[in-house]
Amino acid sequence: MWAARDYEAYLYGTGKRAPATVNAALAVVSDLAIRRGLGKLDGQAVARLDRPARRAPNALTGRDDIRWQRPPTPPRPATGPGSRA
């Protein structure tokens, strides 16, 4: 089905959609084609869940970086004249 391939090109190009969004949309189109008796779409147009993401995740900076690398310290027991033991 050329329509599925063109729809994928539209979603990536003009629509500027994320790969997960495009895969979900193509999965719906593929399922609809199977249920309507049109058969399975060709290998290029079927939803490809194995595509890698186009962007790397953002790196942690500053306090966030330290927060996730250092284990939390347990709270100190309260000592002094107002503490209850």
Protein backbone atom coordinates (compact mmCIF):
# COMPACT_ATOMS: atom_id res chain seq x y z
CA MET A 1 0.00 0.00 0.00
CA TRP A 2 1.53 3.21 -1.16
CA ALA A 3 -0.88 5.23 0.95
CA ALA A 4 0.67 3.93 4.18
CA ARG A 5 4.16 4.80 2.98
CA ASP A 6 3.04 8.28 1.95
CA TYR A 7 1.26 8.74 5.30
CA GLU A 8 4.49 7.79 7.10
CA ALA A 9 6.45 10.30 5.03
CA TYR A 10 3.83 12.95 5.81
CA LEU A 11 3.97 12.26 9.57
CA TYR A 12 7.76 12.42 9.68
CA GLY A 13 8.13 15.32 7.24
CA THR A 14 5.28 17.79 7.28
CA GLY A 15 3.76 16.61 10.56
CA LYS A 16 7.14 16.52 12.33
CA ARG A 17 5.93 13.74 14.63
CA ALA A 18 8.08 11.68 17.00
CA PRO A 19 8.95 8.09 16.01
CA ALA A 20 6.69 6.67 18.73
CA THR A 21 3.74 8.66 17.39
CA VAL A 22 4.41 7.56 13.81
CA ASN A 23 4.72 3.92 14.88
CA ALA A 24 1.43 4.08 16.77
CA ALA A 25 -0.36 5.65 13.80
CA LEU A 26 1.05 3.07 11.37
CA ALA A 27 0.07 0.25 13.72
CA VAL A 28 -3.53 1.49 13.61
CA VAL A 29 -3.48 1.75 9.81
CA SER A 30 -1.96 -1.73 9.52
CA ASP A 31 -4.56 -3.22 11.87
CA LEU A 32 -7.37 -1.54 9.94
CA ALA A 33 -6.06 -2.94 6.64
CA ILE A 34 -5.93 -6.45 8.09
CA ARG A 35 -9.43 -6.20 9.59
CA ARG A 36 -10.91 -4.85 6.35
CA GLY A 37 -9.47 -7.78 4.42
CA LEU A 38 -6.87 -5.78 2.50
CA GLY A 39 -4.08 -7.96 3.82
CA LYS A 40 -0.91 -7.09 5.60
CA LEU A 41 0.81 -3.91 4.49
CA ASP A 42 4.21 -4.22 2.84
CA GLY A 43 7.27 -4.46 5.08
CA GLN A 44 8.29 -0.82 4.69
CA ALA A 45 4.91 0.59 5.68
CA VAL A 46 4.12 -1.65 8.63
CA ALA A 47 4.76 -0.11 12.04
CA ARG A 48 8.44 -0.49 12.91
CA LEU A 49 8.81 -0.63 16.67
CA ASP A 50 12.52 -1.36 16.40
CA ARG A 51 13.45 2.08 15.05
CA PRO A 52 15.91 3.90 17.28
CA ALA A 53 15.01 7.26 18.72
CA ARG A 54 16.28 10.21 16.74
CA ARG A 55 17.53 12.17 19.74
CA ALA A 56 19.59 11.27 22.77
CA PRO A 57 18.13 12.05 26.19
CA ASN A 58 19.20 15.25 27.88
CA ALA A 59 22.14 14.95 30.24
CA LEU A 60 21.68 15.77 33.90
CA THR A 61 23.43 18.89 35.07
CA GLY A 62 24.36 20.48 38.36
CA ARG A 63 22.44 19.33 41.41
CA ASP A 64 20.35 16.80 39.48
CA ASP A 65 23.51 14.98 38.42
CA ILE A 66 24.81 14.80 41.98
CA ARG A 67 21.40 13.81 43.33
CA TRP A 68 21.18 10.72 41.11
CA GLN A 69 24.80 9.63 41.59
CA ARG A 70 25.17 9.94 45.33
CA PRO A 71 23.14 7.61 47.58
CA PRO A 72 20.96 9.43 50.11
CA THR A 73 22.36 9.67 53.61
CA PRO A 74 20.19 8.45 56.48
CA PRO A 75 18.88 11.17 58.79
CA ARG A 76 20.89 11.78 61.92
CA PRO A 77 19.24 10.98 65.21
CA ALA A 78 18.18 14.09 67.08
CA THR A 79 20.30 14.83 70.11
CA GLY A 80 20.09 17.70 72.48
CA PRO A 81 17.91 19.08 75.23
CA GLY A 82 14.65 19.17 73.20
CA SER A 83 14.91 15.72 71.60
CA ARG A 84 12.88 12.74 72.77
CA ALA A 85 14.57 9.41 73.12
